[in-house]
C-alpha atoms as a PDB file:
ATOM      1  CA  MET A   1      58.628   9.116 -80.376  1.00  0.00           C
ATOM      2  CA  SER A   2      59.106   7.990 -83.934  1.00  0.00           C
ATOM      3  CA  VAL A   3      56.909   5.133 -85.095  1.00  0.00           C
ATOM      4  CA  TYR A   4      58.223   2.589 -87.528  1.00  0.00           C
ATOM      5  CA  ARG A   5      55.682   1.049 -90.046  1.00  0.00           C
ATOM      6  CA  VAL A   6      55.513  -2.506 -91.092  1.00  0.00           C
ATOM      7  CA  GLU A   7      53.028  -3.853 -93.744  1.00  0.00           C
ATOM      8  CA  VAL A   8      52.349  -7.519 -94.365  1.00  0.00           C
ATOM      9  CA  ASP A   9      49.815  -9.553 -96.051  1.00  0.00           C
ATOM     10  CA  SER A  10      47.646 -11.932 -93.927  1.00  0.00           C
ATOM     11  CA  GLY A  11      48.270 -15.474 -94.599  1.00  0.00           C
ATOM     12  CA  ARG A  12      52.150 -14.985 -94.103  1.00  0.00           C
ATOM     13  CA  GLU A  13      53.907 -17.404 -91.819  1.00  0.00           C
ATOM     14  CA  LYS A  14      55.357 -14.485 -89.684  1.00  0.00           C
ATOM     15  CA  VAL A  15      56.165 -10.889 -89.439  1.00  0.00           C
ATOM     16  CA  LEU A  16      59.160  -9.058 -87.681  1.00  0.00           C
ATOM     17  CA  LEU A  17      58.505  -6.015 -85.464  1.00  0.00           C
ATOM     18  CA  PRO A  18      61.830  -4.666 -85.466  1.00  0.00           C
ATOM     19  CA  PHE A  19      63.548  -2.866 -82.476  1.00  0.00           C
ATOM     20  CA  LYS A  20      67.312  -2.388 -82.216  1.00  0.00           C
ATOM     21  CA  THR A  21      69.152   0.137 -79.961  1.00  0.00           C
ATOM     22  CA  THR A  22      72.711   1.213 -79.557  1.00  0.00           C
ATOM     23  CA  VAL A  23      72.072   2.374 -76.061  1.00  0.00           C
ATOM     24  CA  ARG A  24      74.172   0.355 -73.563  1.00  0.00           C
ATOM     25  CA  LEU A  25      71.841  -1.429 -71.215  1.00  0.00           C
ATOM     26  CA  PRO A  26      72.581  -3.340 -67.955  1.00  0.00           C
ATOM     27  CA  GLU A  27      72.064  -7.107 -67.821  1.00  0.00           C
ATOM     28  CA  GLY A  28      68.633  -8.558 -66.617  1.00  0.00           C
ATOM     29  CA  VAL A  29      66.430  -5.968 -68.312  1.00  0.00           C
ATOM     30  CA  ARG A  30      62.671  -6.868 -68.749  1.00  0.00           C
ATOM     31  CA  VAL A  31      61.158  -6.218 -72.241  1.00  0.00           C
ATOM     32  CA  THR A  32      57.527  -5.900 -72.648  1.00  0.00           C
ATOM     33  CA  TRP A  33      55.515  -5.627 -75.844  1.00  0.00           C
ATOM     34  CA  ARG A  34      51.926  -4.338 -75.788  1.00  0.00           C
ATOM     35  CA  HIS A  35      49.333  -3.641 -78.338  1.00  0.00           C
ATOM     36  CA  ASN A  36      47.591  -0.102 -78.376  1.00  0.00           C
ATOM     37  CA  THR A  37      44.611  -1.930 -76.908  1.00  0.00           C
ATOM     38  CA  CYS A  38      46.845  -2.272 -73.817  1.00  0.00           C
ATOM     39  CA  ARG A  39      46.971  -6.091 -74.438  1.00  0.00           C
ATOM     40  CA  VAL A  40      50.237  -7.702 -73.327  1.00  0.00           C
ATOM     41  CA  VAL A  41      51.753  -9.279 -76.367  1.00  0.00           C
ATOM     42  CA  HIS A  42      55.104 -10.606 -75.136  1.00  0.00           C
ATOM     43  CA  ILE A  43      57.263 -10.392 -72.065  1.00  0.00           C
ATOM     44  CA  ASN A  44      60.797 -11.756 -72.039  1.00  0.00           C
ATOM     45  CA  ASP A  45      60.224 -13.348 -68.691  1.00  0.00           C
ATOM     46  CA  ARG A  46      58.601 -16.733 -69.316  1.00  0.00           C
ATOM     47  CA  ASP A  47      56.756 -16.869 -65.930  1.00  0.00           C
ATOM     48  CA  LEU A  48      55.356 -13.298 -66.334  1.00  0.00           C
ATOM     49  CA  ASN A  49      54.501 -13.904 -70.084  1.00  0.00           C
ATOM     50  CA  GLN A  50      52.355 -16.911 -69.128  1.00  0.00           C
ATOM     51  CA  LEU A  51      50.526 -15.019 -66.414  1.00  0.00           C
ATOM     52  CA  GLN A  52      50.044 -11.759 -68.471  1.00  0.00           C
ATOM     53  CA  GLN A  53      50.225 -12.510 -72.097  1.00  0.00           C
ATOM     54  CA  HIS A  54      46.730 -12.048 -73.844  1.00  0.00           C
ATOM     55  CA  SER A  55      45.214 -15.074 -75.173  1.00  0.00           C
ATOM     56  CA  GLN A  56      45.209 -13.595 -78.707  1.00  0.00           C
ATOM     57  CA  TYR A  57      48.915 -13.909 -78.902  1.00  0.00           C
ATOM     58  CA  GLU A  58      49.457 -17.199 -77.146  1.00  0.00           C
ATOM     59  CA  ASP A  59      52.029 -19.438 -78.816  1.00  0.00           C
ATOM     60  CA  ARG A  60      52.383 -16.864 -81.572  1.00  0.00           C
ATOM     61  CA  THR A  61      55.229 -14.668 -80.315  1.00  0.00           C
ATOM     62  CA  GLU A  62      59.108 -15.168 -80.265  1.00  0.00           C
ATOM     63  CA  MET A  63      61.976 -13.025 -79.228  1.00  0.00           C
ATOM     64  CA  LYS A  64      65.606 -14.038 -80.261  1.00  0.00           C
ATOM     65  CA  GLU A  65      68.079 -14.148 -77.543  1.00  0.00           C
ATOM     66  CA  LYS A  66      69.913 -11.092 -78.609  1.00  0.00           C
ATOM     67  CA  LEU A  67      69.193  -8.683 -75.617  1.00  0.00           C
ATOM     68  CA  LYS A  68      72.944  -8.096 -75.027  1.00  0.00           C
ATOM     69  CA  SER A  69      73.243  -6.661 -78.498  1.00  0.00           C
ATOM     70  CA  GLY A  70      70.342  -4.293 -78.040  1.00  0.00           C
ATOM     71  CA  ASP A  71      68.017  -6.260 -80.372  1.00  0.00           C
ATOM     72  CA  PHE A  72      64.574  -6.485 -78.909  1.00  0.00           C
ATOM     73  CA  SER A  73      62.757  -7.386 -82.086  1.00  0.00           C
ATOM     74  CA  LEU A  74      59.531  -9.413 -81.898  1.00  0.00           C
ATOM     75  CA  ILE A  75      58.445 -12.195 -84.201  1.00  0.00           C
ATOM     76  CA  LEU A  76      54.694 -12.463 -84.550  1.00  0.00           C
ATOM     77  CA  LYS A  77      53.503 -15.712 -86.146  1.00  0.00           C
ATOM     78  CA  ASN A  78      50.471 -16.044 -88.475  1.00  0.00           C
ATOM     79  CA  PRO A  79      49.537 -12.318 -88.647  1.00  0.00           C
ATOM     80  CA  SER A  80      45.914 -11.524 -89.351  1.00  0.00           C
ATOM     81  CA  ARG A  81      43.702  -8.438 -89.838  1.00  0.00           C
ATOM     82  CA  GLY A  82      42.912  -8.473 -86.020  1.00  0.00           C
ATOM     83  CA  ASP A  83      46.682  -7.694 -85.311  1.00  0.00           C
ATOM     84  CA  THR A  84      46.671  -4.429 -87.042  1.00  0.00           C
ATOM     85  CA  GLY A  85      47.569  -1.784 -84.623  1.00  0.00           C
ATOM     86  CA  THR A  86      50.388   0.120 -82.899  1.00  0.00           C
ATOM     87  CA  TYR A  87      52.840  -2.107 -80.815  1.00  0.00           C
ATOM     88  CA  SER A  88      54.963  -0.450 -78.080  1.00  0.00           C
ATOM     89  CA  CYS A  89      58.132  -2.130 -76.726  1.00  0.00           C
ATOM     90  CA  THR A  90      59.378  -0.917 -73.497  1.00  0.00           C
ATOM     91  CA  VAL A  91      62.724  -1.975 -71.723  1.00  0.00           C
ATOM     92  CA  TYR A  92      62.709  -1.624 -68.024  1.00  0.00           C
ATOM     93  CA  GLY A  93      65.659  -1.810 -65.639  1.00  0.00           C
ATOM     94  CA  GLY A  94      65.207  -1.720 -61.860  1.00  0.00           C
ATOM     95  CA  GLY A  95      61.729  -0.397 -62.242  1.00  0.00           C
ATOM     96  CA  ASP A  96      62.853   2.442 -64.596  1.00  0.00           C
ATOM     97  CA  ILE A  97      62.165   2.675 -68.138  1.00  0.00           C
ATOM     98  CA  LEU A  98      65.348   2.573 -70.104  1.00  0.00           C
ATOM     99  CA  THR A  99      64.189   2.876 -73.668  1.00  0.00           C
ATOM    100  CA  ASN A 100      61.027   2.275 -75.776  1.00  0.00           C
ATOM    101  CA  LYS A 101      59.743   2.216 -79.365  1.00  0.00           C
ATOM    102  CA  GLN A 102      56.543   1.979 -81.303  1.00  0.00           C
ATOM    103  CA  VAL A 103      55.997  -0.035 -84.336  1.00  0.00           C
ATOM    104  CA  LEU A 104      52.808   0.335 -86.456  1.00  0.00           C
ATOM    105  CA  LEU A 105      51.770  -2.990 -88.047  1.00  0.00           C
ATOM    106  CA  ASP A 106      49.152  -3.083 -90.848  1.00  0.00           C
ATOM    107  CA  VAL A 107      47.999  -6.574 -91.822  1.00  0.00           C
ATOM    108  CA  LYS A 108      46.302  -6.445 -95.218  1.00  0.00           C
ATOM    109  CA  ALA A 109      44.153  -8.994 -96.694  1.00  0.00           C
ATOM    110  CA  GLY A 110      46.187 -11.389 -98.957  1.00  0.00           C
ATOM    111  CA  ALA A 111      46.015 -11.244-102.743  1.00  0.00           C
ATOM    112  CA  ASP A 112      43.977 -14.413-102.728  1.00  0.00           C
ATOM    113  CA  SER A 113      41.445 -13.314-100.078  1.00  0.00           C
ATOM    114  CA  PHE A 114      37.802 -13.662-101.379  1.00  0.00           C
ATOM    115  CA  ILE A 115      34.645 -12.288 -99.709  1.00  0.00           C
ATOM    116  CA  ILE A 116      31.176 -13.141-100.875  1.00  0.00           C
ATOM    117  CA  ALA A 117      27.713 -12.237 -99.719  1.00  0.00           C
ATOM    118  CA  ILE A 118      24.629 -14.332-100.612  1.00  0.00           C
ATOM    119  CA  ASP A 119      21.014 -12.954-100.242  1.00  0.00           C
ATOM    120  CA  PHE A 120      18.941 -16.169-100.522  1.00  0.00           C
ATOM    121  CA  GLY A 121      15.445 -14.736-100.231  1.00  0.00           C
ATOM    122  CA  SER A 122      11.968 -16.175-100.344  1.00  0.00           C
ATOM    123  CA  GLY A 123      10.960 -14.230-103.373  1.00  0.00           C
ATOM    124  CA  TYR A 124      14.208 -12.967-104.953  1.00  0.00           C
ATOM    125  CA  SER A 125      17.968 -13.771-104.535  1.00  0.00           C
ATOM    126  CA  GLY A 126      21.487 -12.368-105.282  1.00  0.00           C
ATOM    127  CA  TYR A 127      24.962 -12.225-104.452  1.00  0.00           C
ATOM    128  CA  ALA A 128      28.146  -9.974-104.440  1.00  0.00           C
ATOM    129  CA  PHE A 129      31.828 -10.688-104.151  1.00  0.00           C
ATOM    130  CA  ASN A 130      35.140  -9.011-103.602  1.00  0.00           C
ATOM    131  CA  VAL A 131      38.521 -10.598-104.528  1.00  0.00           C
ATOM    132  CA  LYS A 132      40.014  -8.103-102.113  1.00  0.00           C
ATOM    133  CA  PRO A 133      38.495  -6.087 -99.406  1.00  0.00           C
ATOM    134  CA  ARG A 134      40.529  -3.137-100.836  1.00  0.00           C
ATOM    135  CA  GLY A 135      39.010  -3.762-104.282  1.00  0.00           C
ATOM    136  CA  GLU A 136      35.482  -2.777-105.736  1.00  0.00           C
ATOM    137  CA  THR A 137      32.580  -4.937-104.806  1.00  0.00           C
ATOM    138  CA  GLN A 138      31.173  -6.715-107.879  1.00  0.00           C
ATOM    139  CA  ILE A 139      27.443  -7.286-107.745  1.00  0.00           C
ATOM    140  CA  LYS A 140      25.996 -10.052-109.910  1.00  0.00           C
ATOM    141  CA  ARG A 141      23.491  -8.590-112.622  1.00  0.00           C
ATOM    142  CA  TRP A 142      20.858 -10.873-113.857  1.00  0.00           C
ATOM    143  CA  SER A 143      19.393 -11.842-117.159  1.00  0.00           C
ATOM    144  CA  LYS A 144      20.783  -9.156-119.665  1.00  0.00           C
ATOM    145  CA  GLU A 145      19.978 -11.550-122.359  1.00  0.00           C
ATOM    146  CA  LEU A 146      16.228 -11.284-121.404  1.00  0.00           C
ATOM    147  CA  GLY A 147      16.369  -7.469-121.612  1.00  0.00           C
ATOM    148  CA  LEU A 148      16.684  -7.208-117.867  1.00  0.00           C
ATOM    149  CA  ASP A 149      19.454  -5.821-115.665  1.00  0.00           C
ATOM    150  CA  THR A 150      18.651  -6.304-112.040  1.00  0.00           C
ATOM    151  CA  PRO A 151      20.900  -7.164-108.942  1.00  0.00           C
ATOM    152  CA  LYS A 152      18.317  -9.926-107.906  1.00  0.00           C
ATOM    153  CA  THR A 153      16.644 -12.792-109.629  1.00  0.00           C
ATOM    154  CA  PRO A 154      13.453 -14.799-108.631  1.00  0.00           C
ATOM    155  CA  THR A 155      14.269 -17.641-106.174  1.00  0.00           C
ATOM    156  CA  CYS A 156      13.168 -20.429-108.495  1.00  0.00           C
ATOM    157  CA  ILE A 157      14.914 -23.541-109.933  1.00  0.00           C
ATOM    158  CA  LEU A 158      14.154 -25.742-112.890  1.00  0.00           C
ATOM    159  CA  PHE A 159      15.327 -29.394-113.279  1.00  0.00           C
ATOM    160  CA  ASP A 160      14.960 -31.747-116.211  1.00  0.00           C
ATOM    161  CA  GLU A 161      13.081 -35.063-116.382  1.00  0.00           C
ATOM    162  CA  TYR A 162      16.165 -36.881-114.744  1.00  0.00           C
ATOM    163  CA  LYS A 163      16.195 -34.206-111.995  1.00  0.00           C
ATOM    164  CA  ARG A 164      19.332 -32.643-113.263  1.00  0.00           C
ATOM    165  CA  PHE A 165      19.709 -28.812-112.658  1.00  0.00           C
ATOM    166  CA  LEU A 166      18.867 -26.731-115.743  1.00  0.00           C
ATOM    167  CA  LYS A 167      18.370 -23.137-114.802  1.00  0.00           C
ATOM    168  CA  PHE A 168      17.839 -20.681-111.962  1.00  0.00           C
ATOM    169  CA  GLY A 169      16.012 -17.450-111.645  1.00  0.00           C
ATOM    170  CA  TYR A 170      14.580 -15.567-114.437  1.00  0.00           C
ATOM    171  CA  GLU A 171      15.950 -18.010-116.915  1.00  0.00           C
ATOM    172  CA  ALA A 172      14.216 -20.920-115.104  1.00  0.00           C
ATOM    173  CA  LYS A 173      10.901 -19.095-114.772  1.00  0.00           C
ATOM    174  CA  THR A 174      10.975 -17.918-118.450  1.00  0.00           C
ATOM    175  CA  ALA A 175      11.931 -21.418-119.855  1.00  0.00           C
ATOM    176  CA  PHE A 176       9.089 -23.150-117.864  1.00  0.00           C
ATOM    177  CA  ILE A 177       6.457 -20.586-118.868  1.00  0.00           C
ATOM    178  CA  ASN A 178       7.332 -21.071-122.432  1.00  0.00           C
ATOM    179  CA  MET A 179       7.078 -24.833-122.284  1.00  0.00           C
ATOM    180  CA  ARG A 180       4.065 -26.482-123.816  1.00  0.00           C
ATOM    181  CA  GLU A 181       1.723 -28.082-121.218  1.00  0.00           C
ATOM    182  CA  GLU A 182       2.644 -31.681-121.943  1.00  0.00           C
ATOM    183  CA  GLU A 183       6.366 -30.632-122.031  1.00  0.00           C
ATOM    184  CA  ALA A 184       6.184 -28.933-118.679  1.00  0.00           C
ATOM    185  CA  GLU A 185       4.779 -32.036-117.007  1.00  0.00           C
ATOM    186  CA  GLU A 186       8.005 -33.846-117.558  1.00  0.00           C
ATOM    187  CA  TYR A 187      10.079 -31.178-115.809  1.00  0.00           C
ATOM    188  CA  TYR A 188      10.426 -30.009-112.342  1.00  0.00           C
ATOM    189  CA  PHE A 189      10.105 -26.421-111.343  1.00  0.00           C
ATOM    190  CA  TYR A 190      10.194 -25.164-107.823  1.00  0.00           C
ATOM    191  CA  GLU A 191       9.478 -21.644-106.486  1.00  0.00           C
ATOM    192  CA  ASN A 192       8.807 -20.279-102.942  1.00  0.00           C
ATOM    193  CA  PHE A 193      10.752 -23.440-101.759  1.00  0.00           C
ATOM    194  CA  LYS A 194      12.604 -21.381 -98.955  1.00  0.00           C
ATOM    195  CA  ARG A 195       9.191 -21.191 -97.216  1.00  0.00           C
ATOM    196  CA  ARG A 196       9.078 -24.875 -97.135  1.00  0.00           C
ATOM    197  CA  ILE A 197      12.669 -25.339 -96.031  1.00  0.00           C
ATOM    198  CA  ILE A 198      12.338 -23.251 -93.014  1.00  0.00           C
ATOM    199  CA  ASP A 199       8.612 -24.180 -92.423  1.00  0.00           C
ATOM    200  CA  ILE A 200       7.015 -20.815 -92.849  1.00  0.00           C
ATOM    201  CA  SER A 201       3.254 -20.913 -93.048  1.00  0.00           C
END
């Protein structure tokens, strides 16, 4: 059985899983779409569809009334990465399989997808991000201007005398250490504050 491939970016309003046949079929055929996980995606019988359709596809599928012309294509609304897989369409008549087809759906992350991971630690913190899961992960490098190049920075923060944010990490620590004692008394420097937030003794 040949497999038709469809690619779509997540975030699209809908995607068409095509299936057209020139085989002459009797009236009253039953059409069932399934995912390769054996989940029922859509049945053209409304009552059966309500009973057997998997909840993942509820209110997300539609078939045009073109069965007489041999068009059994399925519309899947709001496709996401979880919808990726092989979809099988089987047409039944009188208990027999009259025709079938498979469609491979590949739902890719959209161009504007953004993934970020934050490690907020008691001693050190860092983050990484990826504009696309298919792209290269970017890890923030800290304090090159201080002669350092590390994936993490001390979890400390510096505010001015008006409690406005100034610096974080190595820059905060370096700036505070280099202050004169009387000057430092006017600023707010915090470290190890994660322990206080989550009340670790």
